[in-house]
Amino acid sequence: MRAYNCPMARLFVIVPFIVIGLYVFAIVDLVLTDNSRVRAFPKLGWGLVIVLPVVGALLWFIFGKERGDRGGERRTVAPDDDPAFLANLRRDEEQDERIRRLEQELAELDDDPPKD
């Protein structure tokens, strides 16, 4: 059997690229993560943990930072998906309608001839 037809030989070529990609992704993620979201260790400590073979990068992704909105960070929401924006919009529409009715009533009162 030739070496290049062996499935194990393919793994020896592919796995190092996957591991290097995992390390690079973990390091970039560590650098770009805000300090307030880092858990357990400071960033420098996590940098040293990530250097551990494969396990370090996996530990960073599993335990290293807070996920989602738990860190107090608010994610951006489109206006049509934001309940507060929609409530304000409805309130503004109701106020506009109320103002329009009051202006109409005032105009009708101004049109009335004076009574003697």
PDB file of N, CA and C in Angstrom:
ATOM      1  N   MET A   1       0.843  -1.172   0.000  1.00  0.00           N
ATOM      2  CA  MET A   1       0.000   0.000   0.000  1.00  0.00           C
ATOM      3  C   MET A   1       0.894   1.242   0.000  1.00  0.00           C
ATOM      4  N   ARG A   2       0.550   2.177  -0.822  1.00  0.00           N
ATOM      5  CA  ARG A   2       1.348   3.388  -0.905  1.00  0.00           C
ATOM      6  C   ARG A   2       0.938   4.359   0.204  1.00  0.00           C
ATOM      7  N   ALA A   3       1.859   5.195   0.629  1.00  0.00           N
ATOM      8  CA  ALA A   3       1.632   6.088   1.773  1.00  0.00           C
ATOM      9  C   ALA A   3       0.568   7.134   1.467  1.00  0.00           C
ATOM     10  N   TYR A   4       0.499   7.634   0.255  1.00  0.00           N
ATOM     11  CA  TYR A   4      -0.457   8.712  -0.042  1.00  0.00           C
ATOM     12  C   TYR A   4      -1.876   8.184  -0.202  1.00  0.00           C
ATOM     13  N   ASN A   5      -2.077   6.902  -0.279  1.00  0.00           N
ATOM     14  CA  ASN A   5      -3.426   6.332  -0.318  1.00  0.00           C
ATOM     15  C   ASN A   5      -3.927   5.945   1.075  1.00  0.00           C
ATOM     16  N   CYS A   6      -3.063   5.990   2.034  1.00  0.00           N
ATOM     17  CA  CYS A   6      -3.403   5.594   3.397  1.00  0.00           C
ATOM     18  C   CYS A   6      -4.209   6.716   4.081  1.00  0.00           C
ATOM     19  N   PRO A   7      -5.360   6.386   4.651  1.00  0.00           N
ATOM     20  CA  PRO A   7      -6.149   7.416   5.344  1.00  0.00           C
ATOM     21  C   PRO A   7      -5.406   8.053   6.509  1.00  0.00           C
ATOM     22  N   MET A   8      -4.563   7.311   7.189  1.00  0.00           N
ATOM     23  CA  MET A   8      -3.801   7.877   8.299  1.00  0.00           C
ATOM     24  C   MET A   8      -2.831   8.944   7.816  1.00  0.00           C
ATOM     25  N   ALA A   9      -2.253   8.742   6.643  1.00  0.00           N
ATOM     26  CA  ALA A   9      -1.329   9.732   6.100  1.00  0.00           C
ATOM     27  C   ALA A   9      -2.058  11.039   5.840  1.00  0.00           C
ATOM     28  N   ARG A  10      -3.299  10.966   5.379  1.00  0.00           N
ATOM     29  CA  ARG A  10      -4.099  12.178   5.151  1.00  0.00           C
ATOM     30  C   ARG A  10      -4.369  12.894   6.466  1.00  0.00           C
ATOM     31  N   LEU A  11      -4.609  12.115   7.522  1.00  0.00           N
ATOM     32  CA  LEU A  11      -4.836  12.732   8.825  1.00  0.00           C
ATOM     33  C   LEU A  11      -3.600  13.472   9.313  1.00  0.00           C
ATOM     34  N   PHE A  12      -2.440  12.900   9.064  1.00  0.00           N
ATOM     35  CA  PHE A  12      -1.199  13.553   9.484  1.00  0.00           C
ATOM     36  C   PHE A  12      -0.970  14.866   8.740  1.00  0.00           C
ATOM     37  N   VAL A  13      -1.583  15.031   7.599  1.00  0.00           N
ATOM     38  CA  VAL A  13      -1.469  16.280   6.854  1.00  0.00           C
ATOM     39  C   VAL A  13      -2.561  17.260   7.293  1.00  0.00           C
ATOM     40  N   ILE A  14      -3.771  16.787   7.513  1.00  0.00           N
ATOM     41  CA  ILE A  14      -4.909  17.659   7.797  1.00  0.00           C
ATOM     42  C   ILE A  14      -4.938  18.131   9.253  1.00  0.00           C
ATOM     43  N   VAL A  15      -4.683  17.243  10.196  1.00  0.00           N
ATOM     44  CA  VAL A  15      -4.799  17.569  11.622  1.00  0.00           C
ATOM     45  C   VAL A  15      -3.904  18.735  12.041  1.00  0.00           C
ATOM     46  N   PRO A  16      -2.645  18.814  11.614  1.00  0.00           N
ATOM     47  CA  PRO A  16      -1.836  19.986  12.013  1.00  0.00           C
ATOM     48  C   PRO A  16      -2.449  21.312  11.560  1.00  0.00           C
ATOM     49  N   PHE A  17      -3.054  21.345  10.380  1.00  0.00           N
ATOM     50  CA  PHE A  17      -3.693  22.574   9.909  1.00  0.00           C
ATOM     51  C   PHE A  17      -4.903  22.930  10.776  1.00  0.00           C
ATOM     52  N   ILE A  18      -5.646  21.940  11.189  1.00  0.00           N
ATOM     53  CA  ILE A  18      -6.802  22.174  12.062  1.00  0.00           C
ATOM     54  C   ILE A  18      -6.341  22.701  13.417  1.00  0.00           C
ATOM     55  N   VAL A  19      -5.288  22.100  13.960  1.00  0.00           N
ATOM     56  CA  VAL A  19      -4.774  22.525  15.265  1.00  0.00           C
ATOM     57  C   VAL A  19      -4.229  23.948  15.187  1.00  0.00           C
ATOM     58  N   ILE A  20      -3.466  24.249  14.151  1.00  0.00           N
ATOM     59  CA  ILE A  20      -2.928  25.611  13.981  1.00  0.00           C
ATOM     60  C   ILE A  20      -4.070  26.608  13.829  1.00  0.00           C
ATOM     61  N   GLY A  21      -5.086  26.249  13.054  1.00  0.00           N
ATOM     62  CA  GLY A  21      -6.251  27.123  12.901  1.00  0.00           C
ATOM     63  C   GLY A  21      -6.956  27.363  14.229  1.00  0.00           C
ATOM     64  N   LEU A  22      -7.075  26.325  15.038  1.00  0.00           N
ATOM     65  CA  LEU A  22      -7.698  26.444  16.350  1.00  0.00           C
ATOM     66  C   LEU A  22      -6.895  27.393  17.242  1.00  0.00           C
ATOM     67  N   TYR A  23      -5.567  27.257  17.251  1.00  0.00           N
ATOM     68  CA  TYR A  23      -4.722  28.142  18.045  1.00  0.00           C
ATOM     69  C   TYR A  23      -4.858  29.593  17.589  1.00  0.00           C
ATOM     70  N   VAL A  24      -4.775  29.803  16.291  1.00  0.00           N
ATOM     71  CA  VAL A  24      -4.869  31.170  15.759  1.00  0.00           C
ATOM     72  C   VAL A  24      -6.222  31.780  16.118  1.00  0.00           C
ATOM     73  N   PHE A  25      -7.294  31.014  15.932  1.00  0.00           N
ATOM     74  CA  PHE A  25      -8.628  31.511  16.233  1.00  0.00           C
ATOM     75  C   PHE A  25      -8.761  31.826  17.726  1.00  0.00           C
ATOM     76  N   ALA A  26      -8.228  30.959  18.581  1.00  0.00           N
ATOM     77  CA  ALA A  26      -8.309  31.181  20.028  1.00  0.00           C
ATOM     78  C   ALA A  26      -7.527  32.423  20.441  1.00  0.00           C
ATOM     79  N   ILE A  27      -6.352  32.613  19.882  1.00  0.00           N
ATOM     80  CA  ILE A  27      -5.534  33.774  20.236  1.00  0.00           C
ATOM     81  C   ILE A  27      -6.188  35.065  19.755  1.00  0.00           C
ATOM     82  N   VAL A  28      -6.692  35.063  18.531  1.00  0.00           N
ATOM     83  CA  VAL A  28      -7.375  36.258  18.012  1.00  0.00           C
ATOM     84  C   VAL A  28      -8.618  36.551  18.846  1.00  0.00           C
ATOM     85  N   ASP A  29      -9.373  35.526  19.196  1.00  0.00           N
ATOM     86  CA  ASP A  29     -10.563  35.707  20.022  1.00  0.00           C
ATOM     87  C   ASP A  29     -10.186  36.263  21.389  1.00  0.00           C
ATOM     88  N   LEU A  30      -9.111  35.781  21.969  1.00  0.00           N
ATOM     89  CA  LEU A  30      -8.639  36.278  23.260  1.00  0.00           C
ATOM     90  C   LEU A  30      -8.276  37.760  23.166  1.00  0.00           C
ATOM     91  N   VAL A  31      -7.543  38.123  22.147  1.00  0.00           N
ATOM     92  CA  VAL A  31      -7.104  39.512  21.992  1.00  0.00           C
ATOM     93  C   VAL A  31      -8.304  40.441  21.775  1.00  0.00           C
ATOM     94  N   LEU A  32      -9.295  40.007  21.011  1.00  0.00           N
ATOM     95  CA  LEU A  32     -10.438  40.859  20.690  1.00  0.00           C
ATOM     96  C   LEU A  32     -11.522  40.875  21.766  1.00  0.00           C
ATOM     97  N   THR A  33     -11.453  39.976  22.728  1.00  0.00           N
ATOM     98  CA  THR A  33     -12.459  39.921  23.786  1.00  0.00           C
ATOM     99  C   THR A  33     -12.209  41.023  24.804  1.00  0.00           C
ATOM    100  N   ASP A  34     -13.277  41.717  25.189  1.00  0.00           N
ATOM    101  CA  ASP A  34     -13.188  42.778  26.179  1.00  0.00           C
ATOM    102  C   ASP A  34     -12.800  42.197  27.539  1.00  0.00           C
ATOM    103  N   ASN A  35     -11.987  42.929  28.287  1.00  0.00           N
ATOM    104  CA  ASN A  35     -11.509  42.450  29.596  1.00  0.00           C
ATOM    105  C   ASN A  35     -12.647  42.129  30.554  1.00  0.00           C
ATOM    106  N   SER A  36     -13.761  42.839  30.440  1.00  0.00           N
ATOM    107  CA  SER A  36     -14.872  42.605  31.361  1.00  0.00           C
ATOM    108  C   SER A  36     -15.567  41.264  31.124  1.00  0.00           C
ATOM    109  N   ARG A  37     -15.352  40.662  29.960  1.00  0.00           N
ATOM    110  CA  ARG A  37     -15.991  39.381  29.645  1.00  0.00           C
ATOM    111  C   ARG A  37     -15.098  38.176  29.926  1.00  0.00           C
ATOM    112  N   VAL A  38     -13.833  38.408  30.275  1.00  0.00           N
ATOM    113  CA  VAL A  38     -12.896  37.313  30.533  1.00  0.00           C
ATOM    114  C   VAL A  38     -13.148  36.767  31.934  1.00  0.00           C
ATOM    115  N   ARG A  39     -13.254  35.439  32.050  1.00  0.00           N
ATOM    116  CA  ARG A  39     -13.531  34.797  33.336  1.00  0.00           C
ATOM    117  C   ARG A  39     -12.298  34.027  33.831  1.00  0.00           C
ATOM    118  N   ALA A  40     -12.263  33.790  35.123  1.00  0.00           N
ATOM    119  CA  ALA A  40     -11.317  32.910  35.811  1.00  0.00           C
ATOM    120  C   ALA A  40      -9.898  33.473  35.891  1.00  0.00           C
ATOM    121  N   PHE A  41      -9.267  33.796  34.777  1.00  0.00           N
ATOM    122  CA  PHE A  41      -7.901  34.306  34.759  1.00  0.00           C
ATOM    123  C   PHE A  41      -7.873  35.628  34.000  1.00  0.00           C
ATOM    124  N   PRO A  42      -6.822  36.423  34.207  1.00  0.00           N
ATOM    125  CA  PRO A  42      -6.647  37.593  33.332  1.00  0.00           C
ATOM    126  C   PRO A  42      -6.256  37.123  31.928  1.00  0.00           C
ATOM    127  N   LYS A  43      -6.267  38.045  30.988  1.00  0.00           N
ATOM    128  CA  LYS A  43      -5.960  37.679  29.596  1.00  0.00           C
ATOM    129  C   LYS A  43      -4.590  37.028  29.456  1.00  0.00           C
ATOM    130  N   LEU A  44      -3.609  37.529  30.177  1.00  0.00           N
ATOM    131  CA  LEU A  44      -2.265  36.946  30.088  1.00  0.00           C
ATOM    132  C   LEU A  44      -2.282  35.489  30.541  1.00  0.00           C
ATOM    133  N   GLY A  45      -3.019  35.210  31.607  1.00  0.00           N
ATOM    134  CA  GLY A  45      -3.150  33.829  32.079  1.00  0.00           C
ATOM    135  C   GLY A  45      -3.795  32.942  31.036  1.00  0.00           C
ATOM    136  N   TRP A  46      -4.839  33.459  30.396  1.00  0.00           N
ATOM    137  CA  TRP A  46      -5.490  32.665  29.346  1.00  0.00           C
ATOM    138  C   TRP A  46      -4.562  32.484  28.146  1.00  0.00           C
ATOM    139  N   GLY A  47      -3.718  33.476  27.882  1.00  0.00           N
ATOM    140  CA  GLY A  47      -2.744  33.318  26.803  1.00  0.00           C
ATOM    141  C   GLY A  47      -1.806  32.155  27.067  1.00  0.00           C
ATOM    142  N   LEU A  48      -1.413  32.001  28.321  1.00  0.00           N
ATOM    143  CA  LEU A  48      -0.547  30.873  28.682  1.00  0.00           C
ATOM    144  C   LEU A  48      -1.308  29.550  28.626  1.00  0.00           C
ATOM    145  N   VAL A  49      -2.588  29.573  28.999  1.00  0.00           N
ATOM    146  CA  VAL A  49      -3.398  28.344  28.944  1.00  0.00           C
ATOM    147  C   VAL A  49      -3.598  27.919  27.491  1.00  0.00           C
ATOM    148  N   ILE A  50      -3.825  28.870  26.608  1.00  0.00           N
ATOM    149  CA  ILE A  50      -4.077  28.547  25.197  1.00  0.00           C
ATOM    150  C   ILE A  50      -2.883  27.831  24.575  1.00  0.00           C
ATOM    151  N   VAL A  51      -1.688  28.115  25.067  1.00  0.00           N
ATOM    152  CA  VAL A  51      -0.488  27.488  24.507  1.00  0.00           C
ATOM    153  C   VAL A  51      -0.460  25.983  24.773  1.00  0.00           C
ATOM    154  N   LEU A  52      -1.191  25.511  25.794  1.00  0.00           N
ATOM    155  CA  LEU A  52      -1.246  24.056  26.047  1.00  0.00           C
ATOM    156  C   LEU A  52      -1.763  23.353  24.797  1.00  0.00           C
ATOM    157  N   PRO A  53      -1.206  22.214  24.464  1.00  0.00           N
ATOM    158  CA  PRO A  53      -1.608  21.525  23.235  1.00  0.00           C
ATOM    159  C   PRO A  53      -3.104  21.211  23.193  1.00  0.00           C
ATOM    160  N   VAL A  54      -3.773  21.756  22.234  1.00  0.00           N
ATOM    161  CA  VAL A  54      -5.189  21.570  21.900  1.00  0.00           C
ATOM    162  C   VAL A  54      -6.130  21.860  23.071  1.00  0.00           C
ATOM    163  N   VAL A  55      -5.848  21.303  24.222  1.00  0.00           N
ATOM    164  CA  VAL A  55      -6.729  21.445  25.383  1.00  0.00           C
ATOM    165  C   VAL A  55      -6.845  22.904  25.811  1.00  0.00           C
ATOM    166  N   GLY A  56      -5.769  23.655  25.716  1.00  0.00           N
ATOM    167  CA  GLY A  56      -5.785  25.050  26.145  1.00  0.00           C
ATOM    168  C   GLY A  56      -6.767  25.885  25.349  1.00  0.00           C
ATOM    169  N   ALA A  57      -6.762  25.735  24.032  1.00  0.00           N
ATOM    170  CA  ALA A  57      -7.690  26.491  23.191  1.00  0.00           C
ATOM    171  C   ALA A  57      -9.127  26.075  23.484  1.00  0.00           C
ATOM    172  N   LEU A  58      -9.341  24.798  23.679  1.00  0.00           N
ATOM    173  CA  LEU A  58     -10.702  24.336  23.992  1.00  0.00           C
ATOM    174  C   LEU A  58     -11.157  24.875  25.344  1.00  0.00           C
ATOM    175  N   LEU A  59     -10.261  24.908  26.340  1.00  0.00           N
ATOM    176  CA  LEU A  59     -10.608  25.483  27.637  1.00  0.00           C
ATOM    177  C   LEU A  59     -11.000  26.954  27.505  1.00  0.00           C
ATOM    178  N   TRP A  60     -10.277  27.691  26.664  1.00  0.00           N
ATOM    179  CA  TRP A  60     -10.607  29.105  26.451  1.00  0.00           C
ATOM    180  C   TRP A  60     -12.024  29.242  25.892  1.00  0.00           C
ATOM    181  N   PHE A  61     -12.353  28.453  24.889  1.00  0.00           N
ATOM    182  CA  PHE A  61     -13.671  28.569  24.278  1.00  0.00           C
ATOM    183  C   PHE A  61     -14.792  28.121  25.219  1.00  0.00           C
ATOM    184  N   ILE A  62     -14.512  27.180  26.090  1.00  0.00           N
ATOM    185  CA  ILE A  62     -15.557  26.674  26.984  1.00  0.00           C
ATOM    186  C   ILE A  62     -15.686  27.527  28.246  1.00  0.00           C
ATOM    187  N   PHE A  63     -14.560  27.881  28.887  1.00  0.00           N
ATOM    188  CA  PHE A  63     -14.611  28.533  30.189  1.00  0.00           C
ATOM    189  C   PHE A  63     -14.051  29.949  30.213  1.00  0.00           C
ATOM    190  N   GLY A  64     -13.422  30.395  29.158  1.00  0.00           N
ATOM    191  CA  GLY A  64     -12.656  31.641  29.198  1.00  0.00           C
ATOM    192  C   GLY A  64     -13.423  32.930  29.196  1.00  0.00           C
ATOM    193  N   LYS A  65     -14.603  32.964  28.578  1.00  0.00           N
ATOM    194  CA  LYS A  65     -15.309  34.237  28.512  1.00  0.00           C
ATOM    195  C   LYS A  65     -16.801  34.038  28.676  1.00  0.00           C
ATOM    196  N   GLU A  66     -17.447  35.121  29.104  1.00  0.00           N
ATOM    197  CA  GLU A  66     -18.895  35.083  29.268  1.00  0.00           C
ATOM    198  C   GLU A  66     -19.552  35.150  27.904  1.00  0.00           C
ATOM    199  N   ARG A  67     -20.672  34.503  27.799  1.00  0.00           N
ATOM    200  CA  ARG A  67     -21.400  34.459  26.534  1.00  0.00           C
ATOM    201  C   ARG A  67     -22.606  35.383  26.587  1.00  0.00           C
ATOM    202  N   GLY A  68     -23.029  35.854  25.426  1.00  0.00           N
ATOM    203  CA  GLY A  68     -24.280  36.589  25.282  1.00  0.00           C
ATOM    204  C   GLY A  68     -24.360  37.850  26.115  1.00  0.00           C
ATOM    205  N   ASP A  69     -25.573  38.157  26.601  1.00  0.00           N
ATOM    206  CA  ASP A  69     -25.841  39.384  27.331  1.00  0.00           C
ATOM    207  C   ASP A  69     -25.549  39.267  28.818  1.00  0.00           C
ATOM    208  N   ARG A  70     -25.072  38.125  29.281  1.00  0.00           N
ATOM    209  CA  ARG A  70     -24.818  37.954  30.708  1.00  0.00           C
ATOM    210  C   ARG A  70     -23.743  38.904  31.213  1.00  0.00           C
ATOM    211  N   GLY A  71     -22.866  39.354  30.343  1.00  0.00           N
ATOM    212  CA  GLY A  71     -21.798  40.249  30.757  1.00  0.00           C
ATOM    213  C   GLY A  71     -22.232  41.690  30.870  1.00  0.00           C
ATOM    214  N   GLY A  72     -23.522  41.970  30.712  1.00  0.00           N
ATOM    215  CA  GLY A  72     -24.019  43.328  30.789  1.00  0.00           C
ATOM    216  C   GLY A  72     -23.908  44.061  29.465  1.00  0.00           C
ATOM    217  N   GLU A  73     -23.360  43.421  28.490  1.00  0.00           N
ATOM    218  CA  GLU A  73     -23.204  44.035  27.188  1.00  0.00           C
ATOM    219  C   GLU A  73     -24.523  43.926  26.434  1.00  0.00           C
ATOM    220  N   ARG A  74     -24.977  45.014  25.855  1.00  0.00           N
ATOM    221  CA  ARG A  74     -26.250  45.000  25.157  1.00  0.00           C
ATOM    222  C   ARG A  74     -26.004  44.835  23.667  1.00  0.00           C
ATOM    223  N   ARG A  75     -26.710  43.901  23.080  1.00  0.00           N
ATOM    224  CA  ARG A  75     -26.506  43.700  21.647  1.00  0.00           C
ATOM    225  C   ARG A  75     -27.412  44.642  20.872  1.00  0.00           C
ATOM    226  N   THR A  76     -26.989  45.004  19.688  1.00  0.00           N
ATOM    227  CA  THR A  76     -27.737  45.926  18.855  1.00  0.00           C
ATOM    228  C   THR A  76     -28.943  45.215  18.260  1.00  0.00           C
ATOM    229  N   VAL A  77     -30.085  45.895  18.323  1.00  0.00           N
ATOM    230  CA  VAL A  77     -31.332  45.329  17.815  1.00  0.00           C
ATOM    231  C   VAL A  77     -31.869  46.268  16.756  1.00  0.00           C
ATOM    232  N   ALA A  78     -32.368  45.720  15.683  1.00  0.00           N
ATOM    233  CA  ALA A  78     -32.982  46.534  14.638  1.00  0.00           C
ATOM    234  C   ALA A  78     -34.206  47.234  15.225  1.00  0.00           C
ATOM    235  N   PRO A  79     -34.513  48.450  14.776  1.00  0.00           N
ATOM    236  CA  PRO A  79     -35.641  49.187  15.347  1.00  0.00           C
ATOM    237  C   PRO A  79     -36.969  48.440  15.282  1.00  0.00           C
ATOM    238  N   ASP A  80     -37.210  47.707  14.213  1.00  0.00           N
ATOM    239  CA  ASP A  80     -38.496  47.020  14.114  1.00  0.00           C
ATOM    240  C   ASP A  80     -38.557  45.764  14.982  1.00  0.00           C
ATOM    241  N   ASP A  81     -37.444  45.388  15.626  1.00  0.00           N
ATOM    242  CA  ASP A  81     -37.427  44.260  16.560  1.00  0.00           C
ATOM    243  C   ASP A  81     -37.297  44.710  18.010  1.00  0.00           C
ATOM    244  N   ASP A  82     -37.136  46.002  18.227  1.00  0.00           N
ATOM    245  CA  ASP A  82     -36.918  46.540  19.566  1.00  0.00           C
ATOM    246  C   ASP A  82     -38.257  46.928  20.194  1.00  0.00           C
ATOM    247  N   PRO A  83     -38.687  46.225  21.247  1.00  0.00           N
ATOM    248  CA  PRO A  83     -39.991  46.522  21.856  1.00  0.00           C
ATOM    249  C   PRO A  83     -40.078  47.951  22.393  1.00  0.00           C
ATOM    250  N   ALA A  84     -38.988  48.468  22.945  1.00  0.00           N
ATOM    251  CA  ALA A  84     -39.008  49.837  23.479  1.00  0.00           C
ATOM    252  C   ALA A  84     -39.218  50.848  22.353  1.00  0.00           C
ATOM    253  N   PHE A  85     -38.541  50.639  21.236  1.00  0.00           N
ATOM    254  CA  PHE A  85     -38.710  51.543  20.096  1.00  0.00           C
ATOM    255  C   PHE A  85     -40.139  51.490  19.580  1.00  0.00           C
ATOM    256  N   LEU A  86     -40.704  50.291  19.466  1.00  0.00           N
ATOM    257  CA  LEU A  86     -42.079  50.152  18.980  1.00  0.00           C
ATOM    258  C   LEU A  86     -43.073  50.792  19.935  1.00  0.00           C
ATOM    259  N   ALA A  87     -42.848  50.652  21.239  1.00  0.00           N
ATOM    260  CA  ALA A  87     -43.744  51.278  22.215  1.00  0.00           C
ATOM    261  C   ALA A  87     -43.674  52.798  22.107  1.00  0.00           C
ATOM    262  N   ASN A  88     -42.461  53.336  21.957  1.00  0.00           N
ATOM    263  CA  ASN A  88     -42.310  54.784  21.784  1.00  0.00           C
ATOM    264  C   ASN A  88     -42.976  55.249  20.499  1.00  0.00           C
ATOM    265  N   LEU A  89     -42.875  54.457  19.460  1.00  0.00           N
ATOM    266  CA  LEU A  89     -43.487  54.807  18.180  1.00  0.00           C
ATOM    267  C   LEU A  89     -45.005  54.868  18.315  1.00  0.00           C
ATOM    268  N   ARG A  90     -45.595  53.875  18.985  1.00  0.00           N
ATOM    269  CA  ARG A  90     -47.051  53.883  19.211  1.00  0.00           C
ATOM    270  C   ARG A  90     -47.458  55.071  20.071  1.00  0.00           C
ATOM    271  N   ARG A  91     -46.668  55.365  21.107  1.00  0.00           N
ATOM    272  CA  ARG A  91     -46.973  56.503  21.966  1.00  0.00           C
ATOM    273  C   ARG A  91     -46.910  57.801  21.176  1.00  0.00           C
ATOM    274  N   ASP A  92     -45.907  57.939  20.324  1.00  0.00           N
ATOM    275  CA  ASP A  92     -45.791  59.141  19.492  1.00  0.00           C
ATOM    276  C   ASP A  92     -46.969  59.261  18.541  1.00  0.00           C
ATOM    277  N   GLU A  93     -47.397  58.144  17.961  1.00  0.00           N
ATOM    278  CA  GLU A  93     -48.551  58.176  17.055  1.00  0.00           C
ATOM    279  C   GLU A  93     -49.813  58.581  17.803  1.00  0.00           C
ATOM    280  N   GLU A  94     -49.984  58.066  19.024  1.00  0.00           N
ATOM    281  CA  GLU A  94     -51.151  58.434  19.825  1.00  0.00           C
ATOM    282  C   GLU A  94     -51.116  59.916  20.181  1.00  0.00           C
ATOM    283  N   GLN A  95     -49.957  60.440  20.526  1.00  0.00           N
ATOM    284  CA  GLN A  95     -49.834  61.863  20.839  1.00  0.00           C
ATOM    285  C   GLN A  95     -50.133  62.711  19.608  1.00  0.00           C
ATOM    286  N   ASP A  96     -49.628  62.300  18.458  1.00  0.00           N
ATOM    287  CA  ASP A  96     -49.904  63.034  17.219  1.00  0.00           C
ATOM    288  C   ASP A  96     -51.394  63.050  16.912  1.00  0.00           C
ATOM    289  N   GLU A  97     -52.047  61.918  17.117  1.00  0.00           N
ATOM    290  CA  GLU A  97     -53.492  61.839  16.878  1.00  0.00           C
ATOM    291  C   GLU A  97     -54.254  62.741  17.856  1.00  0.00           C
ATOM    292  N   ARG A  98     -53.851  62.745  19.125  1.00  0.00           N
ATOM    293  CA  ARG A  98     -54.492  63.596  20.127  1.00  0.00           C
ATOM    294  C   ARG A  98     -54.309  65.074  19.781  1.00  0.00           C
ATOM    295  N   ILE A  99     -53.117  65.446  19.366  1.00  0.00           N
ATOM    296  CA  ILE A  99     -52.857  66.836  18.971  1.00  0.00           C
ATOM    297  C   ILE A  99     -53.703  67.212  17.763  1.00  0.00           C
ATOM    298  N   ARG A 100     -53.811  66.303  16.789  1.00  0.00           N
ATOM    299  CA  ARG A 100     -54.611  66.578  15.599  1.00  0.00           C
ATOM    300  C   ARG A 100     -56.073  66.818  15.971  1.00  0.00           C
ATOM    301  N   ARG A 101     -56.636  65.985  16.888  1.00  0.00           N
ATOM    302  CA  ARG A 101     -58.025  66.159  17.317  1.00  0.00           C
ATOM    303  C   ARG A 101     -58.223  67.476  18.068  1.00  0.00           C
ATOM    304  N   LEU A 102     -57.273  67.820  18.947  1.00  0.00           N
ATOM    305  CA  LEU A 102     -57.381  69.086  19.681  1.00  0.00           C
ATOM    306  C   LEU A 102     -57.317  70.288  18.738  1.00  0.00           C
ATOM    307  N   GLU A 103     -56.426  70.215  17.757  1.00  0.00           N
ATOM    308  CA  GLU A 103     -56.346  71.313  16.776  1.00  0.00           C
ATOM    309  C   GLU A 103     -57.639  71.427  15.986  1.00  0.00           C
ATOM    310  N   GLN A 104     -58.228  70.289  15.648  1.00  0.00           N
ATOM    311  CA  GLN A 104     -59.489  70.291  14.916  1.00  0.00           C
ATOM    312  C   GLN A 104     -60.601  70.901  15.781  1.00  0.00           C
ATOM    313  N   GLU A 105     -60.653  70.532  17.058  1.00  0.00           N
ATOM    314  CA  GLU A 105     -61.651  71.097  17.965  1.00  0.00           C
ATOM    315  C   GLU A 105     -61.458  72.601  18.130  1.00  0.00           C
ATOM    316  N   LEU A 106     -60.210  73.038  18.256  1.00  0.00           N
ATOM    317  CA  LEU A 106     -59.942  74.479  18.360  1.00  0.00           C
ATOM    318  C   LEU A 106     -60.361  75.212  17.093  1.00  0.00           C
ATOM    319  N   ALA A 107     -60.097  74.607  15.944  1.00  0.00           N
ATOM    320  CA  ALA A 107     -60.498  75.231  14.683  1.00  0.00           C
ATOM    321  C   ALA A 107     -62.013  75.337  14.605  1.00  0.00           C
ATOM    322  N   GLU A 108     -62.725  74.312  15.061  1.00  0.00           N
ATOM    323  CA  GLU A 108     -64.196  74.361  15.059  1.00  0.00           C
ATOM    324  C   GLU A 108     -64.704  75.421  16.016  1.00  0.00           C
ATOM    325  N   LEU A 109     -64.061  75.582  17.173  1.00  0.00           N
ATOM    326  CA  LEU A 109     -64.468  76.614  18.121  1.00  0.00           C
ATOM    327  C   LEU A 109     -64.217  78.020  17.549  1.00  0.00           C
ATOM    328  N   ASP A 110     -63.131  78.178  16.811  1.00  0.00           N
ATOM    329  CA  ASP A 110     -62.838  79.477  16.208  1.00  0.00           C
ATOM    330  C   ASP A 110     -63.839  79.823  15.111  1.00  0.00           C
ATOM    331  N   ASP A 111     -64.383  78.819  14.444  1.00  0.00           N
ATOM    332  CA  ASP A 111     -65.328  79.034  13.359  1.00  0.00           C
ATOM    333  C   ASP A 111     -66.723  79.408  13.861  1.00  0.00           C
ATOM    334  N   ASP A 112     -67.047  79.103  15.106  1.00  0.00           N
ATOM    335  CA  ASP A 112     -68.373  79.425  15.655  1.00  0.00           C
ATOM    336  C   ASP A 112     -68.531  80.940  15.734  1.00  0.00           C
ATOM    337  N   PRO A 113     -69.684  81.431  15.290  1.00  0.00           N
ATOM    338  CA  PRO A 113     -69.925  82.868  15.419  1.00  0.00           C
ATOM    339  C   PRO A 113     -70.177  83.235  16.882  1.00  0.00           C
ATOM    340  N   PRO A 114     -69.797  84.404  17.283  1.00  0.00           N
ATOM    341  CA  PRO A 114     -70.027  84.780  18.678  1.00  0.00           C
ATOM    342  C   PRO A 114     -71.510  84.873  18.989  1.00  0.00           C
ATOM    343  N   LYS A 115     -71.913  84.461  20.151  1.00  0.00           N
ATOM    344  CA  LYS A 115     -73.305  84.481  20.553  1.00  0.00           C
ATOM    345  C   LYS A 115     -73.558  85.755  21.374  1.00  0.00           C
ATOM    346  N   ASP A 116     -74.651  86.448  21.034  1.00  0.00           N
ATOM    347  CA  ASP A 116     -75.008  87.668  21.771  1.00  0.00           C
ATOM    348  C   ASP A 116     -76.114  87.454  22.715  1.00  0.00           C
TER     349      ASP A 116
END
